[in-house]
Amino acid sequence: MVKIFLDEITKIFKPNTVAVNNLTFEIPDKKVISLLGPSGCGKTTTMRIICGLENPTTGRVYFDDQDVTDMPVEKRDVAMIFQFPVVYPALSVYENIAFPLKAAKIPEAEINTRVKQVAELLNLTSILDGRPSDLDAGKRQRVAIARAIIRRPKAYLFDEPLSNLDPRDRVKLRSELKKLQEELGQTIVYVTHDQAEALTMGDKIAVMNEGKLLQYDTPEVIYGTPSNTFVAWFIGNPGMNLIDCIYRESDGTAFLETQGFTYDVSDIAGIIKKRATGNELIFGIRPEHVEIRTKSERAGIRPSVETDWFSCKSVLAEILGKRILLHLHLGELTIRAKTSLYECVHETKIFVRFPKKYVRIFDKKSQELIV
């Protein structure tokens, strides 16, 4: 168990590829931190710097208050679990799990006890005598995880451990890993490009892109209040609707003007003018927060809020289990909305509303959140 602190970490590969760019953040003790971002964003390089497989070009790595930047891998006492299950095919499942303890010359009785404990945690008890070659990818990954956790290191580093599993095994093992962390109370760094894994696993999420840390916060904050347009788009399935707009004022009213609608922002005009770099902004709202009404329900809308609703043309309806993803044309815009109203599937005229509490406004030039 250890607190990990990365202090202004930069990693440059020859000739001039910046993989990690001035990265500073703290991984608390006994927490799961998800490093999330697209391929090539620097998340795996960051993890390799933590464990000592890569040295930073500049910056320092601390475990608690100890500077471990120049400490070799074997002395850092961390365990890595990789994308592809690493098992020894000539050994039984039991022998695979017990291997690090035998290498450390732990007494046989203690080895037997700890193997059984770990096997029970990962549902491997019934196959301890079997060979890894007889197992599917999901069980082989469990064996690799069991071998990593049995020696009780200071921290676990998971590098996309579920990406090569089929969807059923992925969901099952994901929940088991979360439960395992709660039982072990260990520090875990979990690298993934899958936002569902990051949101499920992480106590906090570090969103990265092009080597930079864009936002580091709880899943709830990152989802509800993304710090910039990349996080807003990257998090969510699908991501946030992001619509170019212009801030204008007329007759005492402040509003955002888009190619499909105008939106009153008089109540937050002061914040916008203080924080924006100009009048070009981006209007954002998640598809699941767009309110939907069908033509048949239109009569139920109170006249006092008529101006809050906008008429759209539905051009595509994707059925996603209990939810429908609508692709809507609103003026010259295309927006996406999620709804549970199945009658929307066959409707071409849809009315939408954007509740104020879910609207996010970003600066067009900096791409950063304004409000």
Protein backbone atom coordinates (compact mmCIF):
# COMPACT_ATOMS: atom_id res chain seq x y z
CA MET A 1 0.00 0.00 0.00
CA VAL A 2 1.48 3.29 -1.09
CA LYS A 3 0.67 6.85 -2.15
CA ILE A 4 2.17 7.64 -5.55
CA PHE A 5 3.02 11.18 -6.62
CA LEU A 6 4.11 12.16 -10.12
CA ASP A 7 5.86 15.54 -10.12
CA GLU A 8 6.10 17.35 -13.49
CA ILE A 9 6.78 14.16 -15.43
CA THR A 10 7.80 14.54 -19.07
CA LYS A 11 8.88 11.69 -21.33
CA ILE A 12 10.38 12.37 -24.76
CA PHE A 13 11.28 9.50 -27.09
CA LYS A 14 13.86 10.05 -29.81
CA PRO A 15 13.95 11.93 -32.04
CA ASN A 16 11.35 14.32 -30.64
CA THR A 17 8.16 12.48 -29.65
CA VAL A 18 6.60 13.86 -26.46
CA ALA A 19 4.74 10.90 -24.94
CA VAL A 20 4.03 12.53 -21.55
CA ASN A 21 3.96 16.29 -21.13
CA ASN A 22 4.51 17.87 -17.71
CA LEU A 23 2.25 15.45 -15.83
CA THR A 24 1.58 16.12 -12.14
CA PHE A 25 -0.96 14.29 -10.00
CA GLU A 26 -1.27 12.15 -6.87
CA ILE A 27 -2.57 8.59 -6.65
CA PRO A 28 -3.95 8.16 -3.11
CA ASP A 29 -3.18 5.12 -1.01
CA LYS A 30 -5.75 2.28 -1.19
CA LYS A 31 -7.61 3.83 -4.15
CA VAL A 32 -8.21 2.83 -7.77
CA ILE A 33 -7.11 5.45 -10.28
CA SER A 34 -8.07 4.98 -13.91
CA LEU A 35 -5.77 6.40 -16.59
CA LEU A 36 -8.15 6.96 -19.49
CA GLY A 37 -7.57 8.18 -23.01
CA PRO A 38 -7.30 7.18 -26.67
CA SER A 39 -4.46 5.10 -28.06
CA GLY A 40 -1.20 7.04 -28.02
CA CYS A 41 -2.28 9.49 -25.32
CA GLY A 42 0.57 8.56 -22.96
CA LYS A 43 -1.28 6.49 -20.38
CA THR A 44 0.77 3.30 -20.77
CA THR A 45 4.03 5.28 -20.80
CA THR A 46 2.90 6.92 -17.54
CA MET A 47 2.29 3.51 -15.98
CA ARG A 48 5.68 2.24 -17.17
CA ILE A 49 7.33 5.28 -15.55
CA ILE A 50 5.55 4.49 -12.28
CA CYS A 51 6.84 0.92 -12.24
CA GLY A 52 10.34 1.81 -13.47
CA LEU A 53 10.28 0.26 -16.94
CA GLU A 54 10.77 3.77 -18.36
CA ASN A 55 12.75 6.67 -16.92
CA PRO A 56 11.22 10.14 -17.24
CA THR A 57 13.12 12.69 -19.29
CA THR A 58 12.34 15.22 -16.57
CA GLY A 59 10.35 15.11 -13.34
CA ARG A 60 10.32 12.84 -10.30
CA VAL A 61 8.31 9.85 -9.04
CA TYR A 62 7.55 9.45 -5.33
CA PHE A 63 6.21 6.48 -3.36
CA ASP A 64 4.93 8.08 -0.17
CA ASP A 65 7.78 10.50 0.60
CA GLN A 66 10.52 8.43 -1.05
CA ASP A 67 11.95 9.49 -4.41
CA VAL A 68 12.01 6.30 -6.49
CA THR A 69 12.78 7.88 -9.87
CA ASP A 70 16.15 6.17 -10.13
CA MET A 71 15.15 3.01 -8.28
CA PRO A 72 15.16 -0.19 -10.40
CA VAL A 73 11.95 -2.08 -11.11
CA GLU A 74 12.65 -4.98 -8.76
CA LYS A 75 13.02 -2.68 -5.75
CA ARG A 76 9.80 -0.71 -6.26
CA ASP A 77 7.60 -3.61 -5.14
CA VAL A 78 4.79 -3.21 -7.67
CA ALA A 79 2.94 -5.85 -9.67
CA MET A 80 1.94 -5.44 -13.32
CA ILE A 81 -0.94 -7.18 -15.10
CA PHE A 82 -0.78 -6.87 -18.87
CA GLN A 83 -3.24 -6.85 -21.76
CA PHE A 84 -2.32 -10.41 -22.73
CA PRO A 85 -2.39 -13.05 -19.95
CA VAL A 86 1.16 -14.00 -18.97
CA VAL A 87 1.15 -17.59 -17.70
CA TYR A 88 3.62 -20.46 -17.63
CA PRO A 89 2.16 -23.22 -19.81
CA ALA A 90 4.35 -25.96 -18.33
CA LEU A 91 3.08 -25.30 -14.81
CA SER A 92 -0.30 -26.06 -13.29
CA VAL A 93 -2.64 -23.25 -12.26
CA TYR A 94 -1.57 -23.79 -8.64
CA GLU A 95 2.10 -23.64 -9.58
CA ASN A 96 1.57 -20.49 -11.66
CA ILE A 97 -0.03 -18.69 -8.73
CA ALA A 98 2.54 -19.97 -6.22
CA PHE A 99 5.56 -19.12 -8.41
CA PRO A 100 6.53 -15.73 -6.87
CA LEU A 101 6.22 -17.11 -3.35
CA LYS A 102 8.41 -20.10 -4.14
CA ALA A 103 10.97 -17.77 -5.71
CA ALA A 104 10.95 -15.78 -2.45
CA LYS A 105 11.44 -19.07 -0.51
CA ILE A 106 8.20 -18.70 1.48
CA PRO A 107 7.44 -21.81 3.61
CA GLU A 108 5.29 -24.38 1.79
CA ALA A 109 2.47 -24.29 4.34
CA GLU A 110 2.09 -20.52 3.96
CA ILE A 111 2.23 -20.82 0.17
CA ASN A 112 -0.58 -23.37 0.22
CA THR A 113 -2.74 -21.16 2.46
CA ARG A 114 -2.21 -18.04 0.36
CA VAL A 115 -2.80 -19.82 -2.97
CA LYS A 116 -6.12 -21.15 -1.69
CA GLN A 117 -7.15 -17.70 -0.44
CA VAL A 118 -6.34 -16.01 -3.74
CA ALA A 119 -7.92 -18.82 -5.77
CA GLU A 120 -11.15 -18.40 -3.83
CA LEU A 121 -11.16 -14.63 -4.43
CA LEU A 122 -10.82 -15.15 -8.19
CA ASN A 123 -12.99 -18.27 -8.56
CA LEU A 124 -10.07 -20.53 -9.48
CA THR A 125 -10.38 -23.16 -6.73
CA SER A 126 -11.87 -25.84 -8.97
CA ILE A 127 -9.11 -25.62 -11.60
CA LEU A 128 -5.95 -25.39 -9.48
CA ASP A 129 -4.74 -28.76 -10.79
CA GLY A 130 -5.40 -27.85 -14.43
CA ARG A 131 -3.08 -26.38 -17.05
CA PRO A 132 -3.37 -22.85 -18.45
CA SER A 133 -3.49 -24.25 -21.99
CA ASP A 134 -6.86 -25.81 -21.17
CA LEU A 135 -8.38 -22.49 -20.05
CA ASP A 136 -10.10 -19.73 -21.97
CA ALA A 137 -8.63 -16.20 -22.07
CA GLY A 138 -10.75 -14.99 -19.16
CA LYS A 139 -9.54 -17.72 -16.80
CA ARG A 140 -5.92 -17.33 -17.94
CA GLN A 141 -6.15 -13.64 -17.09
CA ARG A 142 -7.51 -14.58 -13.66
CA VAL A 143 -4.47 -16.81 -13.15
CA ALA A 144 -2.16 -13.93 -14.11
CA ILE A 145 -3.96 -11.59 -11.70
CA ALA A 146 -3.82 -14.19 -8.92
CA ARG A 147 -0.06 -14.59 -9.38
CA ALA A 148 0.35 -10.80 -9.18
CA ILE A 149 -1.72 -10.21 -6.05
CA ILE A 150 -0.47 -13.20 -4.04
CA ARG A 151 2.81 -11.51 -3.17
CA ARG A 152 1.03 -8.44 -1.76
CA PRO A 153 3.01 -5.62 -3.39
CA LYS A 154 2.71 -1.93 -2.61
CA ALA A 155 0.67 -1.23 -5.76
CA TYR A 156 -0.92 -2.98 -8.72
CA LEU A 157 -0.59 -1.63 -12.24
CA PHE A 158 -3.18 -2.93 -14.72
CA ASP A 159 -2.45 -2.26 -18.41
CA GLU A 160 -5.76 -2.76 -20.27
CA PRO A 161 -6.20 -6.24 -18.69
CA LEU A 162 -9.67 -6.85 -20.13
CA SER A 163 -9.34 -5.56 -23.69
CA ASN A 164 -8.77 -9.00 -25.24
CA LEU A 165 -11.61 -10.76 -23.45
CA ASP A 166 -15.05 -11.35 -24.92
CA PRO A 167 -17.80 -8.97 -23.70
CA ARG A 168 -19.27 -11.44 -21.20
CA ASP A 169 -15.91 -12.19 -19.53
CA ARG A 170 -14.99 -8.52 -19.61
CA VAL A 171 -18.07 -7.40 -17.68
CA LYS A 172 -17.77 -10.25 -15.18
CA LEU A 173 -14.08 -9.82 -14.47
CA ARG A 174 -14.46 -6.04 -14.25
CA SER A 175 -16.91 -6.37 -11.37
CA GLU A 176 -14.72 -9.02 -9.74
CA LEU A 177 -11.68 -6.74 -9.91
CA LYS A 178 -13.60 -3.93 -8.25
CA LYS A 179 -14.73 -6.26 -5.48
CA LEU A 180 -11.17 -7.59 -5.16
CA GLN A 181 -9.77 -4.11 -4.66
CA GLU A 182 -12.31 -3.38 -1.94
CA GLU A 183 -11.31 -6.58 -0.12
CA LEU A 184 -7.55 -6.09 -0.53
CA GLY A 185 -7.53 -2.33 0.08
CA GLN A 186 -4.58 -1.87 -2.27
CA THR A 187 -3.44 0.99 -4.50
CA ILE A 188 -4.35 0.26 -8.13
CA VAL A 189 -3.47 2.16 -11.31
CA TYR A 190 -5.80 0.97 -14.07
CA VAL A 191 -4.93 1.90 -17.66
CA THR A 192 -7.75 1.70 -20.21
CA HIS A 193 -9.18 3.31 -23.34
CA ASP A 194 -12.64 2.00 -22.37
CA GLN A 195 -14.64 4.68 -20.57
CA ALA A 196 -17.07 2.10 -19.10
CA GLU A 197 -14.14 0.39 -17.37
CA ALA A 198 -12.75 3.70 -16.16
CA LEU A 199 -16.09 4.89 -14.80
CA THR A 200 -16.77 1.53 -13.13
CA MET A 201 -13.32 0.87 -11.70
CA GLY A 202 -11.91 4.25 -10.77
CA ASP A 203 -12.36 6.16 -7.52
CA LYS A 204 -10.84 8.94 -9.61
CA ILE A 205 -10.14 9.19 -13.33
CA ALA A 206 -7.19 10.88 -15.03
CA VAL A 207 -8.23 11.74 -18.59
CA MET A 208 -5.24 12.11 -20.92
CA ASN A 209 -4.72 13.17 -24.52
CA GLU A 210 -1.54 13.86 -26.47
CA GLY A 211 0.54 13.31 -23.34
CA LYS A 212 -1.32 15.89 -21.25
CA LEU A 213 -3.57 15.49 -18.23
CA LEU A 214 -6.87 17.14 -19.15
CA GLN A 215 -8.93 16.41 -16.05
CA TYR A 216 -8.42 14.46 -12.82
CA ASP A 217 -11.49 13.97 -10.66
CA THR A 218 -14.21 11.56 -9.59
CA PRO A 219 -16.28 9.78 -12.27
CA GLU A 220 -19.32 11.85 -11.29
CA VAL A 221 -17.56 15.19 -11.76
CA ILE A 222 -15.85 14.18 -15.00
CA TYR A 223 -19.12 12.95 -16.48
CA GLY A 224 -21.29 15.80 -15.24
CA THR A 225 -18.85 18.70 -15.51
CA PRO A 226 -16.15 17.96 -18.11
CA SER A 227 -13.35 20.52 -17.96
CA ASN A 228 -13.05 20.85 -21.75
CA THR A 229 -14.60 19.74 -25.02
CA PHE A 230 -12.31 16.70 -25.44
CA VAL A 231 -13.43 15.22 -22.11
CA ALA A 232 -17.05 16.11 -22.92
CA TRP A 233 -16.84 14.25 -26.24
CA PHE A 234 -14.65 11.34 -25.08
CA ILE A 235 -16.74 10.47 -22.01
CA GLY A 236 -20.24 9.19 -22.76
CA ASN A 237 -21.85 6.79 -25.19
CA PRO A 238 -22.23 8.73 -27.36
CA GLY A 239 -20.38 11.80 -26.14
CA MET A 240 -21.81 15.22 -25.46
CA ASN A 241 -23.52 17.21 -28.22
CA LEU A 242 -21.14 20.11 -28.93
CA ILE A 243 -22.62 22.95 -30.97
CA ASP A 244 -20.84 26.09 -32.18
CA CYS A 245 -22.66 29.26 -31.18
CA ILE A 246 -22.30 33.02 -30.86
CA TYR A 247 -22.96 35.01 -27.68
CA ARG A 248 -25.21 38.02 -28.34
CA GLU A 249 -27.15 40.60 -26.36
CA SER A 250 -30.30 42.40 -27.44
CA ASP A 251 -32.95 44.43 -25.56
CA GLY A 252 -31.58 43.37 -22.17
CA THR A 253 -31.50 39.68 -23.07
CA ALA A 254 -28.37 37.56 -23.49
CA PHE A 255 -28.57 34.50 -25.71
CA LEU A 256 -26.57 31.94 -27.64
CA GLU A 257 -27.27 31.85 -31.36
CA THR A 258 -26.68 28.65 -33.32
CA GLN A 259 -27.61 27.47 -36.82
CA GLY A 260 -30.69 25.78 -35.40
CA PHE A 261 -31.93 27.67 -32.33
CA THR A 262 -31.32 30.51 -29.90
CA TYR A 263 -30.91 29.84 -26.19
CA ASP A 264 -31.49 32.36 -23.40
CA VAL A 265 -28.49 32.70 -21.04
CA SER A 266 -29.40 35.99 -19.37
CA ASP A 267 -29.05 34.43 -15.91
CA ILE A 268 -25.39 33.49 -16.50
CA ALA A 269 -24.40 36.33 -18.82
CA GLY A 270 -22.05 37.82 -16.22
CA ILE A 271 -20.09 34.56 -15.85
CA ILE A 272 -19.84 34.10 -19.62
CA LYS A 273 -18.54 37.64 -20.23
CA LYS A 274 -16.02 37.30 -17.41
CA ARG A 275 -14.59 33.92 -18.48
CA ALA A 276 -14.95 33.82 -22.28
CA THR A 277 -12.11 34.96 -24.54
CA GLY A 278 -14.60 36.22 -27.13
CA ASN A 279 -18.17 35.78 -28.33
CA GLU A 280 -17.54 32.44 -30.07
CA LEU A 281 -18.64 29.66 -27.73
CA ILE A 282 -19.67 25.99 -27.74
CA PHE A 283 -23.03 24.83 -26.39
CA GLY A 284 -22.92 21.35 -24.85
CA ILE A 285 -25.49 18.88 -23.56
CA ARG A 286 -25.38 15.10 -23.19
CA PRO A 287 -27.83 13.08 -25.35
CA GLU A 288 -29.50 11.56 -22.28
CA HIS A 289 -30.21 15.03 -20.89
CA VAL A 290 -32.07 16.28 -23.96
CA GLU A 291 -35.77 16.33 -23.09
CA ILE A 292 -38.02 14.72 -25.71
CA ARG A 293 -41.67 15.16 -26.62
CA THR A 294 -43.49 13.59 -29.53
CA LYS A 295 -46.06 15.37 -31.67
CA SER A 296 -48.91 13.62 -29.86
CA GLU A 297 -47.66 14.97 -26.50
CA ARG A 298 -47.29 18.53 -27.72
CA ALA A 299 -50.65 19.58 -26.32
CA GLY A 300 -49.40 18.79 -22.81
CA ILE A 301 -46.74 21.49 -22.86
CA ARG A 302 -47.69 24.65 -20.97
CA PRO A 303 -47.86 27.82 -23.09
CA SER A 304 -45.58 29.65 -20.63
CA VAL A 305 -42.65 27.45 -21.63
CA GLU A 306 -43.46 27.06 -25.33
CA THR A 307 -40.32 28.96 -26.34
CA ASP A 308 -38.13 26.40 -24.53
CA TRP A 309 -39.10 23.69 -27.02
CA PHE A 310 -37.68 23.29 -30.51
CA SER A 311 -39.09 21.32 -33.41
CA CYS A 312 -36.79 18.69 -34.98
CA LYS A 313 -36.88 16.11 -37.72
CA SER A 314 -35.94 12.59 -36.69
CA VAL A 315 -33.70 11.04 -39.36
CA LEU A 316 -32.57 7.88 -37.53
CA ALA A 317 -33.61 5.92 -34.45
CA GLU A 318 -31.19 3.35 -32.99
CA ILE A 319 -32.74 0.93 -30.52
CA LEU A 320 -30.31 0.30 -27.65
CA GLY A 321 -32.21 -2.09 -25.40
CA LYS A 322 -34.49 0.02 -23.22
CA ARG A 323 -33.22 3.27 -24.70
CA ILE A 324 -33.47 4.80 -28.17
CA LEU A 325 -30.76 7.00 -29.64
CA LEU A 326 -32.35 9.59 -31.92
CA HIS A 327 -30.47 11.47 -34.61
CA LEU A 328 -32.29 14.75 -35.05
CA HIS A 329 -32.05 17.61 -37.51
CA LEU A 330 -32.60 20.93 -35.79
CA GLY A 331 -32.27 23.65 -38.41
CA GLU A 332 -28.86 23.05 -39.97
CA LEU A 333 -27.68 21.10 -36.92
CA THR A 334 -27.62 17.37 -36.18
CA ILE A 335 -28.01 16.49 -32.51
CA ARG A 336 -28.37 13.20 -30.68
CA ALA A 337 -30.85 12.43 -27.94
CA LYS A 338 -31.44 9.35 -25.79
CA THR A 339 -34.93 8.50 -24.68
CA SER A 340 -37.03 5.62 -23.38
CA LEU A 341 -40.09 6.75 -25.37
CA TYR A 342 -40.53 3.96 -27.90
CA GLU A 343 -43.14 5.94 -29.81
CA CYS A 344 -40.26 8.12 -31.00
CA VAL A 345 -39.06 5.27 -33.23
CA HIS A 346 -41.82 5.90 -35.76
CA GLU A 347 -42.17 9.67 -35.31
CA THR A 348 -40.51 12.04 -37.77
CA LYS A 349 -41.40 15.24 -35.93
CA ILE A 350 -39.87 15.50 -32.47
CA PHE A 351 -39.76 18.36 -29.97
CA VAL A 352 -36.69 18.86 -27.80
CA ARG A 353 -35.80 20.97 -24.80
CA PHE A 354 -32.40 21.62 -23.18
CA PRO A 355 -32.77 21.84 -19.37
CA LYS A 356 -30.51 24.57 -17.97
CA LYS A 357 -29.00 22.42 -15.23
CA TYR A 358 -27.50 20.07 -17.83
CA VAL A 359 -26.20 22.66 -20.30
CA ARG A 360 -22.45 23.23 -20.36
CA ILE A 361 -20.83 26.15 -22.20
CA PHE A 362 -17.24 26.07 -23.44
CA ASP A 363 -14.94 28.72 -24.87
CA LYS A 364 -14.43 28.17 -28.60
CA LYS A 365 -10.81 29.34 -28.61
CA SER A 366 -9.49 27.52 -25.52
CA GLN A 367 -12.03 24.63 -25.61
CA GLU A 368 -12.22 25.01 -21.81
CA LEU A 369 -15.39 24.94 -19.69
CA ILE A 370 -16.91 28.31 -18.89
CA VAL A 371 -20.02 27.27 -17.01
